[in-house]
Protein backbone atom coordinates (compact mmCIF):
# COMPACT_ATOMS: atom_id res chain seq x y z
CA MET A 1 175.40 86.20 31.97
CA GLN A 2 171.75 85.12 32.13
CA GLU A 3 169.24 87.94 31.69
CA GLU A 4 166.72 88.46 34.46
CA LYS A 5 163.17 87.87 33.33
CA GLY A 6 161.72 90.62 35.52
CA ASP A 7 158.02 91.34 34.99
CA THR A 8 157.90 90.19 31.34
CA TYR A 9 155.42 87.40 30.57
CA THR A 10 155.14 85.22 27.44
CA THR A 11 151.86 84.90 25.53
CA SER A 12 151.30 81.40 26.92
CA GLU A 13 151.88 82.59 30.50
CA LEU A 14 149.41 85.44 30.03
CA LYS A 15 146.80 83.03 28.70
CA ARG A 16 147.39 80.73 31.67
CA LEU A 17 146.94 83.66 34.06
CA GLU A 18 143.81 84.70 32.20
CA ARG A 19 142.32 81.22 32.63
CA LYS A 20 143.11 81.33 36.35
CA PHE A 21 141.43 84.69 36.76
CA LYS A 22 138.34 83.43 34.91
CA LEU A 23 138.21 80.40 37.21
CA LEU A 24 138.58 82.65 40.25
CA GLU A 25 135.84 84.95 38.96
CA LYS A 26 133.54 81.96 38.45
CA ASN A 27 134.19 80.60 41.94
CA LEU A 28 133.62 84.00 43.53
CA LYS A 29 129.98 83.85 42.49
CA GLU A 30 129.58 81.45 45.40
CA GLU A 31 130.44 82.52 48.92
CA VAL A 32 133.87 81.39 50.10
CA SER A 33 133.51 79.59 53.42
CA PHE A 34 135.77 79.38 56.47
CA SER A 35 136.40 75.77 55.42
CA ASP A 36 137.72 76.99 52.04
CA LEU A 37 139.95 79.65 53.59
CA LEU A 38 141.38 77.22 56.14
CA ALA A 39 141.76 74.31 53.71
CA VAL A 40 144.12 76.27 51.43
CA ARG A 41 146.25 76.82 54.53
CA GLY A 42 146.34 73.11 55.31
CA PHE A 43 143.64 73.01 58.01
CA ARG A 44 140.76 70.70 57.11
CA GLU A 45 139.32 69.76 60.49
CA PHE A 46 138.15 72.37 62.94
CA THR A 47 135.47 73.19 65.48
CA TYR A 48 134.17 76.59 66.54
CA LEU A 49 131.53 78.49 68.48
CA GLU A 50 129.12 81.13 67.18
CA PRO A 51 129.34 84.57 68.82
CA LEU A 52 126.79 85.51 71.46
CA ASP A 53 123.97 87.63 70.06
CA PHE A 54 123.09 90.54 72.32
CA GLY A 55 122.83 93.07 69.49
CA GLY A 56 119.30 94.09 70.42
CA SER A 57 120.25 95.05 73.98
CA LYS A 58 122.18 97.91 75.54
CA LEU A 59 124.91 95.49 76.63
CA PHE A 60 127.19 95.73 73.62
CA ASN A 61 127.01 99.53 73.70
CA MET A 62 128.03 99.47 77.36
CA LEU A 63 130.91 97.08 76.66
CA SER A 64 132.63 99.83 74.67
CA LYS A 65 133.42 101.46 78.04
CA TYR A 66 136.68 100.22 79.53
CA TYR A 67 135.51 100.37 83.17
CA ILE A 68 132.46 98.24 82.31
CA ARG A 69 134.74 95.54 80.87
CA ARG A 70 136.89 95.67 84.02
CA PHE A 71 133.78 95.34 86.19
CA LEU A 72 132.61 92.32 84.19
CA GLY A 73 136.08 90.82 84.40
CA ASP A 74 135.80 90.97 88.20
CA LEU A 75 132.20 89.70 88.11
CA PHE A 76 133.19 86.64 86.09
CA LEU A 77 135.62 85.59 88.81
CA TYR A 78 132.56 84.54 90.84
CA GLU A 79 130.37 81.51 90.12
CA ASN A 80 127.68 83.24 92.17
CA LEU A 81 127.43 86.11 94.64
CA ASP A 82 124.85 87.49 97.06
CA GLU A 83 123.37 90.98 96.99
CA GLU A 84 125.92 92.35 99.47
CA GLU A 85 128.84 91.07 97.38
CA LEU A 86 127.26 92.47 94.23
CA ASP A 87 126.74 95.87 95.92
CA ARG A 88 130.41 95.90 96.95
CA LEU A 89 131.51 95.12 93.39
CA THR A 90 129.23 97.71 91.78
CA GLY A 91 130.42 100.29 94.31
CA LYS A 92 134.04 99.59 93.46
CA TRP A 93 133.44 100.36 89.76
CA ASN A 94 130.62 102.92 90.24
CA ILE A 95 128.14 100.77 88.31
CA LYS A 96 124.49 101.85 88.14
CA LYS A 97 121.70 99.44 89.11
CA THR A 98 120.18 99.79 85.64
CA PHE A 99 123.24 97.98 84.20
CA ILE A 100 122.67 95.05 86.57
CA ASP A 101 119.10 94.96 85.22
CA ASP A 102 120.55 94.78 81.69
CA LEU A 103 122.75 91.84 82.74
CA LEU A 104 119.67 90.07 84.12
CA ASN A 105 117.56 90.87 81.05
CA THR A 106 120.20 89.53 78.66
CA GLY A 107 120.72 86.41 80.74
CA ILE A 108 124.37 87.05 81.60
CA LEU A 109 123.29 87.01 85.25
CA VAL A 110 120.51 84.83 86.59
CA GLU A 111 118.85 85.49 89.96
CA ASP A 112 118.36 82.25 91.89
CA SER A 113 117.49 81.88 95.61
CA ASN A 114 118.78 85.36 96.55
CA LYS A 115 122.01 84.68 94.65
CA PHE A 116 123.23 86.16 91.39
CA VAL A 117 124.56 83.33 89.24
CA ARG A 118 126.68 83.70 86.11
CA ASN A 119 125.07 82.09 83.07
CA PRO A 120 126.89 78.76 82.56
CA LYS A 121 126.34 79.00 78.77
CA ILE A 122 128.81 81.90 78.68
CA HIS A 123 132.07 79.99 78.81
CA ASP A 124 134.17 82.79 80.24
CA PHE A 125 134.66 86.53 80.22
CA SER A 126 136.91 86.31 77.14
CA PHE A 127 134.07 84.73 75.16
CA LEU A 128 131.85 87.71 75.97
CA ILE A 129 134.47 90.21 74.78
CA GLU A 130 135.23 88.13 71.68
CA SER A 131 131.50 88.22 70.85
CA PHE A 132 131.52 91.99 71.40
CA ILE A 133 134.41 92.44 68.94
CA ALA A 134 132.79 90.07 66.40
CA TYR A 135 129.50 92.00 66.70
CA ASN A 136 131.22 95.30 65.88
CA ILE A 137 133.15 93.81 62.94
CA LYS A 138 129.86 92.48 61.55
CA LYS A 139 128.07 95.77 62.18
CA LYS A 140 130.77 97.93 60.56
CA PHE A 141 132.00 95.75 57.68
CA ASP A 142 129.52 92.86 57.44
CA PHE A 143 132.33 90.34 58.08
CA ASP A 144 131.23 86.94 59.35
CA ALA A 145 133.12 85.68 62.41
CA ILE A 146 133.53 82.48 64.41
CA LEU A 147 135.04 82.10 67.87
CA ASN A 148 137.19 79.67 69.88
CA VAL A 149 138.34 77.92 66.71
CA LYS A 150 140.20 74.65 67.33
CA LEU A 151 142.31 73.52 64.36
CA LYS A 152 143.17 69.83 64.53
CA GLU A 153 146.31 70.19 62.40
CA LEU A 154 147.67 73.22 64.27
CA SER A 155 150.95 72.03 65.80
CA LYS A 156 151.23 74.94 68.26
CA GLY A 157 147.90 74.10 69.89
CA GLY A 158 145.36 76.36 71.55
CA ASP A 159 142.17 78.02 70.31
CA ILE A 160 142.08 80.88 67.84
CA ASP A 161 139.92 83.46 69.61
CA ILE A 162 138.34 85.04 66.51
CA LEU A 163 138.43 84.28 62.80
CA ALA A 164 136.63 86.69 60.48
CA LYS A 165 136.28 86.57 56.70
CA TRP A 166 135.54 88.87 53.81
CA LYS A 167 135.64 87.52 50.23
CA LEU A 168 139.04 85.80 50.01
CA GLU A 169 140.47 87.52 53.09
CA LEU A 170 140.96 85.81 56.45
CA VAL A 171 141.37 87.89 59.63
CA MET A 172 142.76 86.31 62.81
CA ILE A 173 142.35 88.01 66.21
CA GLU A 174 143.85 86.91 69.52
CA LEU A 175 142.62 88.54 72.73
CA LYS A 176 144.27 89.01 76.13
CA GLU A 177 142.65 90.79 79.08
CA SER A 178 145.62 90.24 81.37
CA PRO A 179 147.84 93.19 82.29
CA PRO A 180 150.90 93.32 79.98
CA ASN A 181 153.25 92.17 82.76
CA ASN A 182 151.25 88.92 83.03
CA ILE A 183 152.00 87.96 79.42
CA SER A 184 155.18 85.93 79.44
CA LEU A 185 157.78 85.79 76.70
CA THR A 186 156.69 82.18 76.06
CA ASP A 187 153.03 83.17 75.65
CA LEU A 188 153.97 86.02 73.34
CA LYS A 189 156.10 83.74 71.16
CA LEU A 190 153.37 81.08 71.04
CA THR A 191 150.80 83.67 69.94
CA PHE A 192 152.95 84.86 67.05
CA ASP A 193 153.96 81.29 66.17
CA ARG A 194 150.25 80.48 65.71
CA PHE A 195 149.89 83.54 63.49
CA LYS A 196 152.80 82.38 61.33
CA SER A 197 151.38 78.84 61.13
CA ILE A 198 147.94 80.00 59.98
CA PHE A 199 149.24 82.90 57.88
CA PRO A 200 146.01 84.96 57.71
CA ASP A 201 145.72 88.04 55.54
CA LEU A 202 145.59 90.09 58.73
CA PHE A 203 146.51 89.28 62.34
CA ILE A 204 145.52 91.51 65.27
CA PHE A 205 146.81 90.85 68.79
CA VAL A 206 144.31 92.63 71.05
CA LEU A 207 145.37 93.65 74.57
CA ASP A 208 142.42 95.01 76.52
CA THR A 209 144.44 97.37 78.67
CA THR A 210 145.16 101.08 78.91
CA LEU A 211 148.53 100.41 80.58
CA SER A 212 151.80 100.94 78.77
CA ILE A 213 152.90 97.88 76.78
CA LYS A 214 156.39 99.10 75.94
CA ARG A 215 158.48 97.08 78.40
CA ASN A 216 156.52 93.82 78.47
CA ILE A 217 155.23 93.59 74.91
CA ILE A 218 157.03 95.98 72.53
CA ASP A 219 160.51 95.32 73.95
CA ASN A 220 159.84 91.57 74.02
CA ILE A 221 158.73 91.61 70.37
CA LEU A 222 162.05 93.23 69.56
CA LYS A 223 163.86 90.57 71.57
CA LEU A 224 161.98 87.69 69.91
CA PHE A 225 161.86 88.80 66.28
CA GLU A 226 164.39 91.65 66.01
CA VAL A 227 161.56 93.88 64.88
CA ASN A 228 160.69 97.16 66.57
CA PRO A 229 156.89 97.64 66.29
CA LYS A 230 155.92 100.93 64.68
CA ARG A 231 153.36 103.10 66.48
CA ILE A 232 150.67 103.93 63.91
CA ARG A 233 148.46 105.89 66.29
CA GLU A 234 147.60 105.77 70.00
CA GLY A 235 146.89 102.14 70.86
CA VAL A 236 147.92 100.71 67.47
CA TYR A 237 151.33 99.19 66.63
CA GLN A 238 152.45 97.48 63.44
CA VAL A 239 154.75 94.48 63.96
CA PHE A 240 154.89 93.01 60.46
CA GLU A 241 153.23 94.03 57.20
CA ASN A 242 150.03 92.17 58.14
CA ALA A 243 150.40 91.85 61.93
CA PHE A 244 149.33 94.46 64.47
CA ILE A 245 149.05 94.95 68.22
CA VAL A 246 146.03 96.89 69.47
CA THR A 247 145.27 98.16 73.00
CA ALA A 248 142.33 99.91 74.68
CA LYS A 249 144.08 103.28 74.56
CA ARG A 250 141.90 105.70 72.57
CA ASP A 251 139.27 102.94 72.16
CA LEU A 252 139.60 99.18 71.80
CA VAL A 253 136.98 98.55 69.12
CA SER A 254 137.75 101.63 67.02
CA ASN A 255 141.42 100.57 67.01
CA VAL A 256 140.49 97.08 65.76
CA LEU A 257 138.20 98.51 63.08
CA PHE A 258 140.88 101.04 62.07
CA VAL A 259 143.39 98.24 61.39
CA ILE A 260 140.89 96.13 59.42
CA GLU A 261 139.92 99.09 57.26
CA LYS A 262 143.57 100.02 56.70
CA ILE A 263 144.69 96.54 55.59
CA ILE A 264 141.69 94.66 54.21
CA LEU A 265 139.43 97.29 52.63
């Protein structure tokens, strides 16, 4: 019977490993780019967008509030609206006029001929929330992030909402603002297929909702992958060793930061 080698290494193997570690140490003196991290995964051609920069305004602090994000989600359904329509919308969500001033000061809204027009440079509401998440990851951990990443070689298609990096670690985040019952089994499978194709060091599926996700997300994960996600804390579920689902229960951003700190740092 052949003996198992186990964890025993020969002198030549140890020397080979030592050379590799020296090479790695040398390369780490230079910053590892997104291109490097994607190339080793087989993705050499990609495009992306930089996050919006509203760090100097009150906006990103306000976006931590769930009702503000819901208000903005409604606001972004309009190309433009008059003062009466805006008053009706702010009344629905109990929004103060000072926040509308913040939206005008940051350029998210532009006043034009008695109409309030959404800034066309902001592609959609998702892009605003992706920028908000990227801002907080940068602020807390100093991770660089890029948004709406299109990978030419990705067979499953679609944009990657957020890619963040730290040293040799790649973090992938997908964001959905839809209620859980609007996320189909097909969409859920496609999202996790993209994760498996890219194989980041950490994947976070972010659902910006305080509704229960048991029937439409957790049960469907079990159906698709025969894995029952483990509840780590309120709003945080672990699907695989390096794949998590996060909701806005407790707090959306703190849940995302909790997972990153738990797995990457």
